[in-house]
Protein backbone atom coordinates (compact mmCIF):
# COMPACT_ATOMS: atom_id res chain seq x y z
CA MET A 1 73.44 128.40 100.46
CA ALA A 2 71.51 129.37 97.36
CA ILE A 3 69.92 126.62 95.27
CA TYR A 4 69.77 127.10 91.51
CA GLU A 5 67.29 124.53 90.28
CA ASP A 6 66.88 126.28 86.93
CA ASP A 7 70.53 125.74 85.96
CA ASP A 8 71.26 122.38 84.34
CA ARG A 9 74.90 123.12 83.59
CA TYR A 10 77.50 124.90 85.66
CA GLY A 11 79.42 127.71 83.99
CA TYR A 12 79.68 131.43 83.38
CA GLU A 13 80.38 131.58 79.65
CA GLY A 14 77.88 133.73 77.79
CA LEU A 15 76.37 135.23 80.93
CA ALA A 16 75.97 138.99 81.28
CA GLY A 17 75.30 141.40 84.11
CA TRP A 18 75.51 140.36 87.73
CA LYS A 19 75.17 136.66 86.82
CA SER A 20 78.63 136.72 85.23
CA TYR A 21 80.27 137.53 88.59
CA ARG A 22 81.11 134.36 90.52
CA ALA A 23 81.18 136.05 93.93
CA LEU A 24 77.61 137.31 93.46
CA ARG A 25 76.25 133.77 93.12
CA PRO A 26 77.48 132.16 96.36
CA GLY A 27 77.42 128.39 96.69
CA ARG A 28 76.57 127.75 93.05
CA GLY A 29 79.69 125.64 92.42
CA ILE A 30 79.20 123.60 95.60
CA TYR A 31 75.56 122.95 94.71
CA HIS A 32 76.44 121.69 91.25
CA ASP A 33 79.32 119.56 92.59
CA ILE A 34 76.94 117.74 94.95
CA LYS A 35 74.21 117.55 92.31
CA ARG A 36 76.56 115.91 89.78
CA ARG A 37 78.22 113.45 92.14
CA LEU A 38 75.35 112.36 94.39
CA PRO A 39 73.72 110.02 91.81
CA TYR A 40 77.01 108.09 91.62
CA TYR A 41 77.24 107.49 95.38
CA PRO A 42 75.64 103.98 95.27
CA THR A 43 78.06 102.86 92.54
CA ASP A 44 80.95 104.33 94.53
CA LEU A 45 80.22 101.50 96.95
CA THR A 46 79.22 98.68 94.59
CA ASP A 47 82.13 99.30 92.20
CA SER A 48 84.54 98.61 95.05
CA PHE A 49 84.00 94.83 95.00
CA THR A 50 87.17 94.10 93.06
CA TYR A 51 90.73 93.01 93.74
CA ARG A 52 92.07 96.43 92.77
CA THR A 53 90.30 98.00 95.76
CA ALA A 54 92.02 95.64 98.23
CA ALA A 55 95.43 96.10 96.63
CA SER A 56 94.98 99.87 96.51
CA SER A 57 93.98 100.01 100.19
CA VAL A 58 97.17 98.24 101.28
CA ARG A 59 99.40 100.22 98.96
CA MET A 60 97.95 103.58 99.92
CA TYR A 61 98.17 102.81 103.64
CA PHE A 62 101.93 102.41 103.38
CA VAL A 63 102.34 105.26 100.86
CA ASN A 64 100.42 107.55 103.24
CA VAL A 65 101.57 106.48 106.70
CA LEU A 66 105.32 106.21 106.07
CA PRO A 67 105.84 109.72 104.62
CA ALA A 68 103.46 111.13 107.26
CA LEU A 69 105.56 109.62 110.05
CA ALA A 70 108.78 110.72 108.37
CA PHE A 71 107.63 114.33 108.14
CA THR A 72 106.26 114.20 111.67
CA LEU A 73 109.71 113.21 112.91
CA ASP A 74 111.04 116.19 110.97
CA MET A 75 108.48 118.52 112.59
CA TYR A 76 109.13 116.97 116.02
CA ARG A 77 112.84 117.77 115.76
CA ARG A 78 112.44 121.24 114.24
CA THR A 79 109.62 122.41 116.54
CA ASP A 80 111.17 121.08 119.77
CA GLY A 81 108.63 118.31 120.23
CA GLN A 82 105.38 120.18 119.43
CA TYR A 83 104.04 117.32 117.25
CA GLY A 84 104.06 113.56 117.90
CA VAL A 85 103.23 110.32 116.09
CA ASN A 86 99.64 110.04 117.30
CA GLU A 87 98.88 113.59 116.17
CA ALA A 88 100.14 112.73 112.68
CA LEU A 89 98.14 109.50 112.52
CA PHE A 90 94.97 111.19 113.72
CA SER A 91 95.37 114.02 111.22
CA SER A 92 95.77 111.57 108.32
CA ALA A 93 92.88 109.41 109.57
CA LEU A 94 90.59 112.43 110.00
CA ALA A 95 91.22 113.56 106.42
CA ALA A 96 90.81 110.03 105.04
CA MET A 97 87.47 109.43 106.78
CA VAL A 98 86.02 112.84 105.84
CA PHE A 99 87.03 112.72 102.17
CA SER A 100 86.22 109.04 101.63
CA ILE A 101 82.67 109.50 102.99
CA LEU A 102 81.81 113.07 101.99
CA GLY A 103 84.26 113.98 99.22
CA ALA A 104 83.05 114.61 95.69
CA GLN A 105 86.27 113.03 94.42
CA PRO A 106 87.22 110.25 96.87
CA LEU A 107 90.33 109.38 94.85
CA THR A 108 92.01 112.53 96.20
CA ILE A 109 94.36 111.72 99.08
CA VAL A 110 94.68 114.28 101.88
CA GLY A 111 97.15 114.06 104.74
CA ILE A 112 100.50 115.35 106.01
CA THR A 113 102.89 116.58 103.36
CA GLY A 114 106.40 117.96 103.20
CA LEU A 115 104.91 121.37 102.50
CA ILE A 116 102.90 121.29 105.74
CA SER A 117 106.07 120.26 107.58
CA LEU A 118 107.89 123.18 105.98
CA PHE A 119 104.98 125.51 106.82
CA ASN A 120 104.81 124.44 110.47
CA TYR A 121 108.46 124.67 111.40
CA THR A 122 108.99 127.89 109.43
CA ILE A 123 106.26 129.51 111.54
CA TYR A 124 107.92 128.03 114.64
CA ASP A 125 111.26 129.58 113.61
CA ILE A 126 109.51 132.97 113.43
CA ILE A 127 107.55 132.59 116.67
CA LYS A 128 110.49 131.41 118.78
CA ILE A 129 112.25 134.70 118.04
CA TYR A 130 109.65 136.23 120.37
CA ASP A 131 108.26 133.44 122.59
CA ALA A 132 108.08 129.75 121.62
CA ALA A 133 105.33 129.20 124.19
CA LEU A 134 102.95 131.16 121.92
CA TYR A 135 103.31 128.67 119.09
CA PRO A 136 100.28 126.41 119.86
CA GLN A 137 97.89 129.36 120.24
CA PHE A 138 99.28 131.03 117.13
CA MET A 139 98.84 127.84 115.03
CA VAL A 140 95.23 127.51 116.21
CA TRP A 141 94.45 130.97 114.87
CA VAL A 142 96.39 130.28 111.68
CA ALA A 143 94.19 127.22 111.13
CA ILE A 144 90.97 129.10 111.92
CA TRP A 145 91.74 131.85 109.43
CA ALA A 146 92.91 129.30 106.86
CA ALA A 147 89.59 127.47 107.25
CA ILE A 148 87.63 130.71 106.81
CA PHE A 149 89.51 131.49 103.59
CA HIS A 150 88.90 127.93 102.34
CA TRP A 151 85.17 128.37 102.91
CA LEU A 152 85.05 131.82 101.32
CA PHE A 153 86.96 130.69 98.24
CA ALA A 154 84.70 127.64 97.82
CA ILE A 155 81.44 129.54 98.38
CA CYS A 156 82.49 132.36 96.00
CA ASN A 157 83.23 129.79 93.25
CA THR A 158 86.86 130.86 92.87
CA CYS A 159 87.96 127.22 92.47
CA ASP A 160 86.93 127.71 88.83
CA TYR A 161 90.33 129.27 88.21
CA MET A 162 91.88 125.83 88.68
CA ARG A 163 90.86 125.12 85.08
CA TYR A 164 93.64 127.46 83.96
CA VAL A 165 96.30 125.16 85.42
CA THR A 166 98.40 123.69 82.63
CA ASP A 167 101.31 121.28 82.54
CA PHE A 168 103.68 124.26 82.59
CA SER A 169 102.79 125.13 86.18
CA SER A 170 101.79 121.66 87.45
CA GLN A 171 105.07 120.11 86.27
CA SER A 172 107.03 122.92 87.92
CA PHE A 173 105.09 122.40 91.15
CA GLY A 174 105.58 118.63 90.95
CA MET A 175 109.33 119.08 90.52
CA TYR A 176 109.39 121.50 93.46
CA VAL A 177 107.55 119.01 95.68
CA GLY A 178 109.97 116.24 94.72
CA ILE A 179 112.95 118.45 95.56
CA ILE A 180 111.39 119.45 98.90
CA TYR A 181 110.97 115.76 99.72
CA LEU A 182 114.63 115.30 98.97
CA SER A 183 116.21 118.61 99.91
CA GLU A 184 115.83 121.05 102.80
CA SER A 185 118.16 123.33 104.75
CA LEU A 186 119.88 122.12 107.89
CA PRO A 187 119.87 124.87 110.50
CA ASP A 188 119.87 122.29 113.29
CA LEU A 189 123.07 120.47 112.31
CA GLU A 190 125.70 123.01 113.28
CA ASN A 191 127.54 120.34 115.24
CA VAL A 192 127.74 117.91 112.36
CA LYS A 193 131.28 117.49 111.00
CA ALA A 194 130.27 117.88 107.35
CA THR A 195 131.03 120.05 104.38
CA ASN A 196 129.39 123.44 103.95
CA LEU A 197 127.17 121.93 101.27
CA ILE A 198 125.78 119.33 103.67
CA ARG A 199 125.61 121.97 106.36
CA TYR A 200 123.30 124.32 104.44
CA LEU A 201 121.59 122.24 101.78
CA SER A 202 121.20 118.51 102.09
CA VAL A 203 119.10 115.70 100.73
CA LYS A 204 116.24 115.10 103.16
CA GLY A 205 116.96 111.40 103.46
CA VAL A 206 120.63 112.20 103.96
CA GLU A 207 119.67 114.55 106.81
CA GLU A 208 118.10 111.61 108.64
CA LEU A 209 121.19 109.49 108.00
CA VAL A 210 123.63 112.20 109.09
CA SER A 211 121.96 112.24 112.50
CA GLU A 212 122.80 108.51 112.86
CA PHE A 213 126.50 109.38 112.65
CA THR A 214 126.15 112.09 115.32
CA LEU A 215 123.93 110.14 117.73
CA PHE A 216 125.88 106.87 117.50
CA ASN A 217 129.08 106.09 115.61
CA SER A 218 130.47 105.64 112.11
CA ALA A 219 129.60 101.94 111.91
CA GLN A 220 126.01 102.68 112.89
CA GLY A 221 125.79 105.50 110.35
CA TYR A 222 127.19 103.47 107.47
CA LEU A 223 124.89 100.52 108.19
CA SER A 224 121.90 102.88 108.29
CA CYS A 225 122.95 104.22 104.88
CA VAL A 226 123.01 100.66 103.55
CA ILE A 227 119.46 99.98 104.78
CA ALA A 228 118.12 103.27 103.37
CA ILE A 229 119.65 102.71 99.95
CA LEU A 230 118.57 99.07 99.77
CA TYR A 231 115.06 99.97 100.93
CA PHE A 232 114.83 102.55 98.14
CA GLY A 233 116.21 100.02 95.64
CA THR A 234 113.73 97.36 96.75
CA ILE A 235 110.63 99.57 96.40
CA TYR A 236 111.84 101.06 93.12
CA SER A 237 112.67 97.67 91.60
CA LEU A 238 109.41 95.99 92.61
CA GLU A 239 107.32 98.84 91.20
CA ALA A 240 109.42 98.81 88.02
CA ILE A 241 108.73 95.10 87.56
CA GLY A 242 105.02 95.95 87.37
CA GLN A 243 105.72 98.00 84.21
CA SER A 244 108.10 95.44 82.69
CA THR A 245 107.69 92.22 80.71
CA LEU A 246 109.23 90.00 83.38
CA PHE A 247 107.34 86.99 84.77
CA THR A 248 103.59 86.62 84.28
CA PRO A 249 101.04 89.48 84.43
CA TRP A 250 99.54 88.39 87.77
CA LEU A 251 102.96 88.05 89.43
CA ARG A 252 104.07 91.46 88.11
CA GLY A 253 100.88 92.93 89.52
CA ILE A 254 101.36 91.33 92.95
CA LEU A 255 104.95 92.56 93.27
CA ALA A 256 104.04 96.10 92.23
CA ASP A 257 100.88 96.30 94.35
CA TYR A 258 102.62 95.15 97.52
CA ALA A 259 106.05 96.72 96.96
CA TYR A 260 105.79 98.93 100.06
CA PRO A 261 104.69 96.25 102.55
CA ILE A 262 107.24 93.77 101.16
CA GLY A 263 110.11 96.24 101.36
CA THR A 264 109.10 97.71 104.72
CA ILE A 265 108.54 94.40 106.52
CA PHE A 266 111.75 92.87 105.17
CA TRP A 267 114.08 95.78 105.94
CA VAL A 268 112.57 96.55 109.35
CA GLY A 269 113.17 92.90 110.25
CA PHE A 270 116.66 93.01 108.76
CA ALA A 271 117.49 96.07 110.89
CA HIS A 272 116.86 94.07 114.06
CA ILE A 273 119.06 91.09 113.39
CA PRO A 274 121.76 90.55 116.03
CA GLY A 275 124.56 93.06 115.64
CA PRO A 276 125.18 96.81 115.54
CA LEU A 277 121.98 97.53 113.58
CA ARG A 278 119.76 96.80 116.55
CA ARG A 279 121.02 100.03 118.14
CA THR A 280 119.50 102.20 115.38
CA ASN A 281 117.47 105.19 116.63
CA ASN A 282 113.72 104.46 116.12
CA VAL A 283 110.88 106.35 115.76
CA SER A 284 97.74 115.84 96.74
CA SER A 285 93.20 116.93 93.69
CA ILE A 286 93.99 117.83 90.38
CA THR A 287 96.82 115.40 89.75
CA ALA A 288 94.52 112.56 90.86
CA GLN A 289 92.27 113.55 87.97
CA ALA A 290 94.97 114.16 85.36
CA LYS A 291 94.33 113.46 81.71
CA ARG A 292 96.23 110.16 81.65
CA PHE A 293 93.50 108.56 83.78
CA PRO A 294 90.25 107.62 81.95
CA LEU A 295 87.83 108.87 84.62
CA LYS A 296 84.09 108.61 84.02
CA LYS A 297 82.57 109.99 87.22
CA PRO A 298 82.53 113.74 87.94
CA GLY A 299 84.58 115.39 90.64
CA GLY A 300 83.82 118.50 92.66
CA PHE A 301 86.55 121.02 93.39
CA HIS A 302 84.35 123.56 95.18
CA TRP A 303 82.84 121.04 97.61
CA ASP A 304 86.15 119.30 98.28
CA PHE A 305 87.85 122.64 98.95
CA PHE A 306 85.04 123.45 101.40
CA LEU A 307 85.63 120.07 103.12
CA LEU A 308 89.34 120.83 103.34
CA GLY A 309 88.37 123.98 105.24
CA ILE A 310 86.45 121.82 107.72
CA THR A 311 89.37 119.44 108.31
CA THR A 312 91.71 122.46 108.60
CA PHE A 313 89.44 123.98 111.25
CA ILE A 314 89.22 120.72 113.24
CA GLY A 315 92.98 120.17 112.92
CA GLY A 316 93.68 123.66 114.22
CA ILE A 317 91.35 123.36 117.22
CA LEU A 318 92.94 120.01 118.14
CA PHE A 319 96.47 121.32 117.43
CA ILE A 320 97.42 118.52 115.05
CA PRO A 321 99.25 118.88 111.72
CA LEU A 322 96.82 120.38 109.20
CA PRO A 323 95.75 117.94 106.46
CA ASN A 324 96.65 118.94 102.94
CA GLY A 325 96.44 117.47 99.45
CA LEU A 326 99.21 114.91 98.89
CA VAL A 327 100.69 115.79 95.50
CA PRO A 328 102.85 112.66 94.95
CA GLN A 329 100.38 110.24 96.59
CA ALA A 330 97.12 111.39 94.92
CA PRO A 331 98.00 110.13 91.42
CA VAL A 332 99.45 106.98 93.02
CA HIS A 333 95.98 106.21 94.43
CA THR A 334 94.33 106.68 91.05
CA ASP A 335 97.09 104.69 89.36
CA SER A 336 96.68 101.82 91.84
CA LEU A 337 92.99 101.65 90.88
CA THR A 338 93.64 101.79 87.15
CA VAL A 339 93.19 98.64 85.07
CA TYR A 340 95.97 98.50 82.48
CA LYS A 341 95.96 96.48 79.31
CA THR A 342 99.16 95.42 77.55
CA ASN A 343 99.02 95.25 73.77
CA LEU A 344 101.79 94.09 71.49
CA LYS A 345 103.02 96.72 69.06
CA ARG A 346 104.93 95.45 66.04
CA LEU A 347 107.68 97.74 64.77
CA SER A 348 109.57 97.30 61.52
CA SER A 349 113.18 98.33 61.05
CA GLY A 350 114.27 97.50 57.51
CA GLU A 351 113.89 93.76 57.06
CA ARG A 352 113.59 93.12 60.78
CA GLU A 353 110.43 93.22 62.82
CA HIS A 354 110.29 93.33 66.61
CA VAL A 355 107.54 93.50 69.20
CA GLU A 356 107.25 96.07 72.00
CA PRO A 357 104.67 96.15 74.82
CA ASP A 358 102.16 98.99 74.62
CA VAL A 359 100.54 99.57 78.02
CA ILE A 360 97.29 101.56 77.97
CA ALA A 361 94.97 102.63 80.80
CA GLU A 362 91.69 100.85 80.13
CA ARG A 363 89.56 102.08 83.05
CA VAL A 364 89.71 103.31 86.64
CA ILE A 365 87.87 101.63 89.53
CA GLU A 366 86.24 104.82 90.81
CA GLN A 367 85.02 104.14 94.33
CA ARG A 368 85.48 105.43 97.88
CA VAL A 369 86.00 102.20 99.85
CA SER A 370 89.80 101.96 99.41
CA HIS A 371 90.21 105.46 100.86
CA PHE A 372 87.84 104.56 103.73
CA ILE A 373 89.73 101.33 104.53
CA MET A 374 92.99 103.27 104.56
CA GLY A 375 91.45 105.65 107.11
CA LEU A 376 90.35 102.76 109.31
CA ALA A 377 93.86 101.29 109.10
CA LEU A 378 95.34 104.61 110.22
CA ILE A 379 93.00 104.66 113.21
CA GLY A 380 94.03 101.09 114.01
CA THR A 381 97.68 102.14 113.87
CA MET A 382 97.01 104.49 116.82
CA THR A 383 96.37 101.50 119.10
CA GLY A 384 99.01 100.33 121.57
CA PRO A 385 100.31 97.18 119.82
CA LEU A 386 100.82 98.87 116.47
CA LEU A 387 102.42 101.92 118.07
CA VAL A 388 104.96 99.49 119.55
CA VAL A 389 105.60 98.18 116.03
CA LEU A 390 106.12 101.74 114.78
CA GLY A 391 108.55 102.27 117.64
CA ILE A 392 110.91 99.57 116.36
CA MET A 393 111.14 101.08 112.86
CA PRO A 394 114.67 102.41 112.30
CA LYS A 395 115.21 105.96 111.11
CA SER A 396 116.97 104.60 108.03
CA ILE A 397 113.61 103.29 106.75
CA PHE A 398 112.19 106.82 106.83
CA ALA A 399 115.27 108.08 105.03
CA GLY A 400 114.51 105.50 102.35
CA VAL A 401 110.91 106.73 102.20
CA PHE A 402 112.15 110.25 101.43
CA PHE A 403 114.23 108.83 98.59
CA VAL A 404 111.34 106.80 97.16
CA VAL A 405 108.67 109.51 97.28
CA GLY A 406 110.96 112.38 96.27
CA TRP A 407 112.60 110.60 93.36
CA GLY A 408 109.27 109.18 92.18
CA SER A 409 107.93 112.71 91.79
CA ILE A 410 111.03 113.86 89.91
CA GLU A 411 111.56 110.83 87.68
CA SER A 412 108.04 110.97 86.18
CA ASN A 413 108.20 114.73 85.58
CA ASP A 414 108.22 115.91 81.96
CA ILE A 415 110.83 118.55 82.80
CA LEU A 416 113.39 115.81 83.43
CA LYS A 417 112.17 113.76 80.45
CA ARG A 418 112.61 116.69 78.07
CA LEU A 419 116.06 117.47 79.43
CA ILE A 420 116.99 113.85 78.68
CA TRP A 421 115.38 114.18 75.24
CA LEU A 422 117.58 117.19 74.45
CA ALA A 423 120.67 115.21 75.42
CA ARG A 424 119.69 112.12 73.40
CA GLU A 425 121.53 111.25 70.20
CA GLN A 426 119.48 112.28 67.16
CA ARG A 427 119.28 108.87 65.48
CA PHE A 428 117.61 107.29 68.52
CA ILE A 429 114.66 109.69 68.44
CA GLN A 430 111.51 108.45 66.68
CA PRO A 431 110.96 110.35 63.39
CA ASP A 432 107.32 111.04 64.29
CA ASP A 433 108.15 112.61 67.68
CA PRO A 434 106.21 115.93 67.84
CA LEU A 435 109.14 117.61 69.61
CA LEU A 436 111.13 117.33 66.37
CA THR A 437 108.86 119.98 64.85
CA ILE A 438 110.19 122.53 67.35
CA ARG A 439 113.64 124.08 67.41
CA ARG A 440 115.73 122.63 70.21
CA SER A 441 116.55 126.16 71.37
CA LYS A 442 112.83 126.87 71.85
CA ILE A 443 112.41 123.66 73.89
CA GLY A 444 115.35 124.74 76.02
CA PHE A 445 113.87 128.22 76.38
CA TYR A 446 110.54 126.72 77.55
CA LEU A 447 112.38 124.55 80.09
CA PHE A 448 114.25 127.65 81.27
CA TRP A 449 110.99 129.27 82.37
CA GLN A 450 109.90 126.10 84.15
CA ALA A 451 113.29 125.80 85.84
CA LEU A 452 113.08 129.44 86.90
CA GLY A 453 109.80 128.72 88.68
CA VAL A 454 111.23 125.61 90.35
CA PHE A 455 114.47 127.24 91.50
CA SER A 456 112.65 130.34 92.77
CA THR A 457 110.30 128.29 94.98
CA VAL A 458 113.12 126.05 96.20
CA ALA A 459 115.25 129.10 96.99
CA ILE A 460 112.56 130.82 99.04
CA SER A 461 111.95 127.52 100.87
CA GLN A 462 115.48 127.68 102.23
CA THR A 463 114.77 130.97 104.01
CA ILE A 464 112.55 132.14 106.87
CA ALA A 465 110.17 133.43 104.15
CA ALA A 466 109.44 129.82 103.11
CA ILE A 467 105.72 130.16 103.85
CA GLY A 468 105.52 132.50 100.83
CA PHE A 469 106.25 129.74 98.30
CA PRO A 470 102.55 129.42 97.23
CA VAL A 471 102.70 132.98 95.85
CA LEU A 472 105.44 131.95 93.43
CA ILE A 473 103.59 128.77 92.44
CA ILE A 474 100.38 130.69 91.71
CA ALA A 475 102.36 133.30 89.74
CA LEU A 476 103.30 130.60 87.22
CA ILE A 477 99.68 130.43 86.01
CA PRO A 478 99.34 134.05 84.75
CA LEU A 479 102.93 133.82 83.47
CA ARG A 480 101.85 130.92 81.25
CA TRP A 481 98.65 132.61 80.05
CA LYS A 482 99.98 136.15 79.54
CA LEU A 483 103.71 135.98 78.83
CA LEU A 484 104.47 132.66 77.12
CA PRO A 485 102.04 133.19 74.16
CA LYS A 486 104.14 136.25 73.26
CA MET A 487 107.34 134.18 73.14
CA PHE A 488 106.10 130.90 71.62
CA THR A 489 103.91 130.13 68.63
CA LYS A 490 100.55 128.41 68.87
CA LYS A 491 102.09 125.26 67.34
CA GLU A 492 104.92 125.19 69.87
CA LEU A 493 102.67 125.65 72.89
CA SER A 494 100.23 122.99 71.63
CA ILE A 495 103.09 120.47 71.75
CA LEU A 496 104.93 121.68 74.84
CA ASP A 497 101.94 122.42 77.06
CA ALA A 498 98.32 121.41 77.66
CA LEU A 499 95.66 121.64 80.34
CA THR A 500 96.56 119.39 83.26
CA ALA A 501 92.97 118.14 83.56
CA ASP A 502 91.19 118.11 80.20
CA ASN A 503 88.63 115.40 80.93
CA GLU A 504 85.11 116.77 80.42
CA VAL A 505 83.78 115.21 83.64
CA VAL A 506 86.58 116.94 85.58
CA LEU A 507 86.23 120.32 83.86
CA ALA A 508 82.46 120.26 84.45
CA SER A 509 83.14 121.24 88.08
CA LEU A 510 85.27 124.19 86.93
CA GLY A 511 82.87 125.75 84.46
CA GLY A 512 84.10 123.97 81.34
CA LYS A 513 87.23 124.00 79.22
CA PRO A 514 88.84 127.44 78.87
CA GLU A 515 90.06 128.79 75.56
CA MET A 516 93.84 128.89 75.48
CA PRO A 517 95.19 132.41 74.86
CA GLU A 518 97.24 131.31 71.84
CA GLN A 519 94.04 130.00 70.22
CA LYS A 520 92.37 133.41 70.28
CA ASN A 521 94.75 135.14 67.89
CA GLU A 522 95.98 133.59 64.67
CA ASP A 523 99.70 134.17 64.32
CA PRO A 524 100.91 134.30 60.68
CA TYR A 525 104.34 133.28 61.97
CA ASP A 526 102.93 129.84 62.77
CA GLU A 527 102.40 128.84 59.15
CA ALA A 528 105.84 130.00 58.01
CA GLU A 529 107.46 128.38 61.05
CA GLU A 530 105.58 125.13 60.42
CA GLY A 531 106.80 125.04 56.83
CA ASN A 532 110.40 125.61 57.87
CA ARG A 533 110.25 122.99 60.61
CA THR A 534 108.67 120.38 58.31
CA GLY A 535 111.54 120.82 55.87
CA VAL A 536 114.09 120.46 58.67
CA VAL A 537 112.46 117.27 59.96
CA ARG A 538 112.39 115.77 56.48
CA ARG A 539 116.10 116.47 56.02
CA ARG A 540 116.88 114.94 59.45
CA VAL A 541 114.99 111.76 58.62
CA ALA A 542 116.67 111.52 55.21
CA ASN A 543 120.13 111.89 56.73
CA SER A 544 119.60 109.45 59.61
């Protein structure tokens, strides 16, 4: 790997000749990633001596292990038993140990995702057409070639193109992931007495519950539904309390931090009370560095992508599920390490004045110990006694996990929030809301393009061509940079869209902040449009 000691700053802006070609300067991004992050390694350890690290370790263990086991059960059923629980635990533990010790951004969570589950059993569906016995050997070679491409992309500095990811594409991808967690096709339920809708497209958690009706009886199925729904309600409510004004700050924090262990322990125990329930069948990097988190330490996309190639290679050789970036869980890890401060905001409405809480992210405990402890806990889970504990967990709990993780990804997505905004009564919208400066039809048109990306990827995921979904996701990036500036004004795009990661310490690994295409050309339509919209907003406020 070439060492560039004469370069103090990583980037390609202003360079000419062969130096402007990323592929001709191999390893430059990796070198600068390590150079930037290495001085922070001692503080990555010393900064961990705080309560937030302990709470984050517990929370992330449950947030990681439960979905991993749920998707492993899905792969086990759809690949005729090719993957088991220990393989899933080892895969998650391997990724956790490697990235917590060697990762440039240890806040990134890597493990088993719904997309890997989809990838694995789609390949199995293709292979079994010819000979299912070839599947293990085929997956080994898939992993080897995937690792080689990871290494080539990292060494050739192509991770720089991640800086062009904006909210337009990341929100669409986040919505797609949430839907995949909730919804997948059901080719293995031909014998289920259900409607055609359930037969071909069903909520993922519902798929687990439907199997309870087929394996046991109606009473068993209905009771499993009750546990799944109440488990979802318990986790959702406890985490919501953390963002509310109920109780005292420390009690709100405790309930939110330990929502998963509280809900899991209670409902697993409840499922084994005397009665019919005891017969129940048992058993992702840029979003972690999003702009809402006040990160101070640099990350390293090139080096972390290279590490992902290593874990992919090891996973393939051992024939375990390949670790991948956990899109819903990665920001959860950063959020669990964020110190929030609640200020009181006084609002006046005529003669009345009321107080509303204003929660702001003050700082993030940037360290690597919580990720390391989570990895150790996953290794401990592979021991005999804890495997017995996992064996008594009812399938309804995993159905509830699908509901929690899938809905969490959808509920926080700006696509859903803007759809709700469009449906909201005008007088309940704040007069200073930036969206009021844009025609509602243009907001709807913007959401149409995002929805088109989401529906296209979901649609292809319901076919045997599901492994091609990344092509559609990547296509959203040039669509945003080349097509949308021709349909929206600079003012509109500045409000509707922004870079997903705009923190300087994050963009330093990607060669700096790119210039948005709408900023390059001044559009005279902007000024006239702005004047028209300002007049409209003033009239709306006057009439409200």
